[in-house]
Amino acid sequence: MDHQQFRRIFDELDKDCIKEHPPLPQYTSATLQKLQVVFSHYYITVLGNLVALGNVMCICTILVLNSEKSTAERDNYVLEVQIF
C-alpha cells in the first residue's frame, strides 16, 4: 500500500459522523400521522428515559437488598415481577 492509498483510506475513516435523524415515514392514514406526531415528541422520549432510569434504580435496589441474603433466603419473585 503506498502513501496515496493509505491517505485516501485514512481520510475516509476519519470523517465525522453525520448526526441527522432519518426522515419520518409519511403515512396516508390521518390516525397514523397523529400518532406519529404524538409519539415522536421530545417529551415522550424524556418520559421513556425516566421510566428506564426508574427500572434500573428499582432493580439495583432489589439486588443490593438481596446481596446480604444467602441464595436460599432470596425471594426472586419481586425481581421477576419488576422486570416483567
N, C-alpha and C. Protein backbone atom coordinates (compact mmCIF):
# COMPACT_ATOMS: atom_id res chain seq x y z
N MET A 1 0.85 -1.17 0.00
CA MET A 1 0.00 0.00 0.00
C MET A 1 0.91 1.24 0.00
N ASP A 2 0.69 2.10 -0.94
CA ASP A 2 1.52 3.30 -0.99
C ASP A 2 0.88 4.43 -0.19
N HIS A 3 1.57 5.55 -0.18
CA HIS A 3 1.15 6.69 0.62
C HIS A 3 -0.23 7.22 0.21
N GLN A 4 -0.50 7.30 -1.06
CA GLN A 4 -1.77 7.84 -1.55
C GLN A 4 -2.95 6.95 -1.14
N GLN A 5 -2.79 5.67 -1.27
CA GLN A 5 -3.87 4.76 -0.87
C GLN A 5 -4.13 4.82 0.63
N PHE A 6 -3.04 4.86 1.40
CA PHE A 6 -3.19 4.97 2.85
C PHE A 6 -3.90 6.26 3.22
N ARG A 7 -3.50 7.37 2.61
CA ARG A 7 -4.11 8.67 2.90
C ARG A 7 -5.60 8.67 2.54
N ARG A 8 -5.96 8.07 1.42
CA ARG A 8 -7.35 8.03 0.98
C ARG A 8 -8.19 7.20 1.97
N ILE A 9 -7.67 6.04 2.39
CA ILE A 9 -8.39 5.20 3.35
C ILE A 9 -8.50 5.91 4.70
N PHE A 10 -7.40 6.52 5.14
CA PHE A 10 -7.42 7.23 6.42
C PHE A 10 -8.41 8.38 6.40
N ASP A 11 -8.42 9.15 5.34
CA ASP A 11 -9.37 10.27 5.22
C ASP A 11 -10.81 9.78 5.22
N GLU A 12 -11.04 8.64 4.60
CA GLU A 12 -12.40 8.08 4.56
C GLU A 12 -12.84 7.63 5.94
N LEU A 13 -11.93 7.03 6.70
CA LEU A 13 -12.27 6.56 8.04
C LEU A 13 -12.30 7.69 9.07
N ASP A 14 -11.64 8.79 8.79
CA ASP A 14 -11.53 9.89 9.74
C ASP A 14 -12.66 10.89 9.62
N LYS A 15 -13.60 10.68 8.74
CA LYS A 15 -14.71 11.62 8.57
C LYS A 15 -15.58 11.64 9.82
N ASP A 16 -16.09 12.81 10.12
CA ASP A 16 -17.02 12.94 11.24
C ASP A 16 -18.36 12.31 10.85
N CYS A 17 -19.00 11.71 11.84
CA CYS A 17 -20.31 11.12 11.59
C CYS A 17 -21.34 12.22 11.43
N ILE A 18 -22.25 12.03 10.55
CA ILE A 18 -23.34 12.99 10.37
C ILE A 18 -24.43 12.62 11.36
N LYS A 19 -24.78 13.54 12.23
CA LYS A 19 -25.74 13.27 13.29
C LYS A 19 -27.13 13.76 12.88
N GLU A 20 -27.67 13.18 11.84
CA GLU A 20 -29.01 13.54 11.38
C GLU A 20 -29.91 12.33 11.53
N HIS A 21 -31.13 12.61 11.96
CA HIS A 21 -32.11 11.54 12.04
C HIS A 21 -32.65 11.25 10.65
N PRO A 22 -32.97 10.02 10.38
CA PRO A 22 -33.58 9.73 9.09
C PRO A 22 -34.96 10.36 9.02
N PRO A 23 -35.44 10.67 7.83
CA PRO A 23 -36.76 11.30 7.75
C PRO A 23 -37.86 10.34 8.22
N LEU A 24 -38.89 10.92 8.82
CA LEU A 24 -40.00 10.11 9.29
C LEU A 24 -40.80 9.61 8.09
N PRO A 25 -41.27 8.38 8.15
CA PRO A 25 -42.09 7.88 7.04
C PRO A 25 -43.42 8.63 6.99
N GLN A 26 -43.92 8.82 5.81
CA GLN A 26 -45.19 9.53 5.63
C GLN A 26 -46.31 8.51 5.46
N TYR A 27 -47.28 8.56 6.36
CA TYR A 27 -48.41 7.64 6.31
C TYR A 27 -49.60 8.33 5.66
N THR A 28 -50.43 7.54 5.02
CA THR A 28 -51.61 8.11 4.37
C THR A 28 -52.78 8.22 5.34
N SER A 29 -52.78 7.42 6.37
CA SER A 29 -53.85 7.44 7.35
C SER A 29 -53.67 8.63 8.30
N ALA A 30 -54.76 9.38 8.52
CA ALA A 30 -54.70 10.54 9.42
C ALA A 30 -54.43 10.10 10.85
N THR A 31 -54.97 8.96 11.25
CA THR A 31 -54.75 8.46 12.60
C THR A 31 -53.28 8.12 12.83
N LEU A 32 -52.68 7.45 11.86
CA LEU A 32 -51.27 7.11 11.99
C LEU A 32 -50.39 8.36 11.98
N GLN A 33 -50.76 9.36 11.22
CA GLN A 33 -49.99 10.61 11.21
C GLN A 33 -50.05 11.29 12.56
N LYS A 34 -51.24 11.32 13.19
CA LYS A 34 -51.36 11.96 14.51
C LYS A 34 -50.59 11.17 15.56
N LEU A 35 -50.68 9.84 15.49
CA LEU A 35 -49.92 9.02 16.43
C LEU A 35 -48.42 9.23 16.26
N GLN A 36 -47.99 9.37 15.02
CA GLN A 36 -46.58 9.62 14.75
C GLN A 36 -46.13 10.94 15.34
N VAL A 37 -46.94 11.97 15.22
CA VAL A 37 -46.60 13.27 15.78
C VAL A 37 -46.53 13.21 17.30
N VAL A 38 -47.50 12.52 17.91
CA VAL A 38 -47.54 12.43 19.37
C VAL A 38 -46.34 11.65 19.90
N PHE A 39 -46.07 10.48 19.32
CA PHE A 39 -45.02 9.63 19.86
C PHE A 39 -43.62 10.03 19.43
N SER A 40 -43.49 10.92 18.49
CA SER A 40 -42.15 11.39 18.12
C SER A 40 -41.80 12.69 18.84
N HIS A 41 -42.67 13.12 19.75
CA HIS A 41 -42.41 14.34 20.51
C HIS A 41 -41.27 14.13 21.50
N TYR A 42 -40.55 15.18 21.79
CA TYR A 42 -39.38 15.11 22.67
C TYR A 42 -39.76 14.65 24.07
N TYR A 43 -40.91 15.09 24.58
CA TYR A 43 -41.30 14.74 25.95
C TYR A 43 -41.60 13.24 26.10
N ILE A 44 -42.04 12.60 25.04
CA ILE A 44 -42.25 11.15 25.09
C ILE A 44 -40.90 10.45 25.24
N THR A 45 -39.88 10.97 24.58
CA THR A 45 -38.53 10.41 24.72
C THR A 45 -38.02 10.59 26.15
N VAL A 46 -38.25 11.76 26.71
CA VAL A 46 -37.83 12.03 28.10
C VAL A 46 -38.58 11.11 29.05
N LEU A 47 -39.88 10.94 28.84
CA LEU A 47 -40.67 10.05 29.69
C LEU A 47 -40.15 8.61 29.61
N GLY A 48 -39.84 8.14 28.43
CA GLY A 48 -39.29 6.80 28.27
C GLY A 48 -37.96 6.63 28.97
N ASN A 49 -37.12 7.67 28.90
CA ASN A 49 -35.83 7.61 29.60
C ASN A 49 -36.02 7.60 31.11
N LEU A 50 -37.01 8.34 31.61
CA LEU A 50 -37.27 8.34 33.05
C LEU A 50 -37.79 6.99 33.52
N VAL A 51 -38.65 6.36 32.74
CA VAL A 51 -39.15 5.03 33.09
C VAL A 51 -37.99 4.03 33.11
N ALA A 52 -37.11 4.10 32.12
CA ALA A 52 -35.95 3.20 32.08
C ALA A 52 -35.04 3.43 33.29
N LEU A 53 -34.82 4.69 33.64
CA LEU A 53 -33.99 5.01 34.81
C LEU A 53 -34.64 4.48 36.08
N GLY A 54 -35.95 4.63 36.21
CA GLY A 54 -36.67 4.09 37.37
C GLY A 54 -36.54 2.58 37.47
N ASN A 55 -36.63 1.90 36.32
CA ASN A 55 -36.47 0.44 36.31
C ASN A 55 -35.07 0.04 36.77
N VAL A 56 -34.07 0.73 36.27
CA VAL A 56 -32.69 0.41 36.66
C VAL A 56 -32.49 0.64 38.15
N MET A 57 -33.03 1.73 38.67
CA MET A 57 -32.88 2.02 40.10
C MET A 57 -33.59 0.97 40.95
N CYS A 58 -34.79 0.56 40.55
CA CYS A 58 -35.51 -0.48 41.30
C CYS A 58 -34.77 -1.80 41.27
N ILE A 59 -34.29 -2.20 40.12
CA ILE A 59 -33.56 -3.46 40.01
C ILE A 59 -32.29 -3.42 40.84
N CYS A 60 -31.57 -2.31 40.79
CA CYS A 60 -30.34 -2.19 41.58
C CYS A 60 -30.64 -2.23 43.08
N THR A 61 -31.73 -1.59 43.50
CA THR A 61 -32.11 -1.61 44.91
C THR A 61 -32.42 -3.03 45.36
N ILE A 62 -33.18 -3.75 44.56
CA ILE A 62 -33.53 -5.13 44.91
C ILE A 62 -32.27 -5.99 44.97
N LEU A 63 -31.36 -5.81 44.02
CA LEU A 63 -30.12 -6.60 44.03
C LEU A 63 -29.26 -6.28 45.24
N VAL A 64 -29.21 -5.01 45.65
CA VAL A 64 -28.42 -4.65 46.83
C VAL A 64 -29.05 -5.24 48.09
N LEU A 65 -30.38 -5.19 48.18
CA LEU A 65 -31.04 -5.76 49.35
C LEU A 65 -30.88 -7.28 49.40
N ASN A 66 -30.86 -7.93 48.26
CA ASN A 66 -30.70 -9.39 48.22
C ASN A 66 -29.24 -9.82 48.35
N SER A 67 -28.31 -8.89 48.22
CA SER A 67 -26.90 -9.28 48.27
C SER A 67 -26.47 -9.76 49.65
N GLU A 68 -27.17 -9.32 50.68
CA GLU A 68 -26.80 -9.72 52.04
C GLU A 68 -27.43 -11.05 52.45
N LYS A 69 -28.36 -11.55 51.64
CA LYS A 69 -29.04 -12.80 51.96
C LYS A 69 -28.33 -13.96 51.28
N SER A 70 -28.52 -15.12 51.84
CA SER A 70 -27.97 -16.32 51.20
C SER A 70 -28.87 -16.68 50.00
N THR A 71 -28.40 -17.57 49.18
CA THR A 71 -29.15 -17.96 47.99
C THR A 71 -30.49 -18.59 48.36
N ALA A 72 -30.53 -19.34 49.44
CA ALA A 72 -31.77 -20.00 49.86
C ALA A 72 -32.80 -18.99 50.37
N GLU A 73 -32.35 -17.88 50.94
CA GLU A 73 -33.26 -16.89 51.51
C GLU A 73 -33.79 -15.89 50.49
N ARG A 74 -33.19 -15.82 49.33
CA ARG A 74 -33.58 -14.81 48.35
C ARG A 74 -34.96 -15.09 47.79
N ASP A 75 -35.71 -14.02 47.61
CA ASP A 75 -37.03 -14.12 47.00
C ASP A 75 -36.95 -13.41 45.66
N ASN A 76 -36.74 -14.16 44.60
CA ASN A 76 -36.59 -13.55 43.28
C ASN A 76 -37.92 -13.20 42.63
N TYR A 77 -39.02 -13.49 43.32
CA TYR A 77 -40.33 -13.17 42.77
C TYR A 77 -40.49 -11.67 42.55
N VAL A 78 -39.99 -10.87 43.49
CA VAL A 78 -40.09 -9.41 43.37
C VAL A 78 -39.33 -8.93 42.15
N LEU A 79 -38.16 -9.46 41.92
CA LEU A 79 -37.35 -9.09 40.77
C LEU A 79 -38.01 -9.52 39.47
N GLU A 80 -38.61 -10.72 39.48
CA GLU A 80 -39.30 -11.19 38.28
C GLU A 80 -40.49 -10.31 37.93
N VAL A 81 -41.25 -9.90 38.93
CA VAL A 81 -42.40 -9.02 38.69
C VAL A 81 -41.92 -7.66 38.23
N GLN A 82 -40.85 -7.17 38.80
CA GLN A 82 -40.32 -5.86 38.42
C GLN A 82 -39.87 -5.83 36.97
N ILE A 83 -39.22 -6.86 36.49
CA ILE A 83 -38.72 -6.90 35.13
C ILE A 83 -39.86 -7.10 34.15
N PHE A 84 -40.87 -7.87 34.52
CA PHE A 84 -41.98 -8.15 33.63
C PHE A 84 -42.72 -6.88 33.35
